[in-house]
């Protein structure tokens, strides 16, 4: 593995950058406090900006670790922070990782996550040297599945009662993956 840490990455529309402590207000307002955004995630919507500040403090501190990857998704034209994407699980001994992402409801359906995901897949395969990238989503979150398939990950199956929702209910997860040998730039 050739870890480089979270470095800025560009796409046609969004750019991907490290989070900063002063992102708290935008993060809280654009997605972290939205119950509909958190519906299919493992964490509950943030009830106060203090929760967001605590999370950002953890993320920013983690950037010291070269094996830590967590980006803010920013619209290049407006410089607005609209979501997050990063490596949620790193199994380096198997040359694989899992990606997780979240985007504000006002930006759903615009292709921003697909652009960000494609760019991160390229980075993880070509610069970090992962062999396999996985993504899971709650089976009920069909729109997340559409984004994943748009980025050419292959559906592998349903993992029954594999996830725990933010409401502490067991949920089925859809599993997707892509291998470096399958990936095309």
Foldseek 3Di string as FASTA:
>chain_A
DQFAFADWADFPWKIWHADDLVCLVLCLVQAQQDQVQQQFPAAGRDPDSVVSSVVSVVRVVCSVDSNWYKIFIAGPVVRGGFWIKTFPADPVVQLETEMDITGGPVCPPVCSVLRVVLRVVCCSCPPVNRFKYKYKTFPVPVSVVVSVVVSPWAWDAKDFQPDAGNVRGRTIITMTMDGSVRDDD
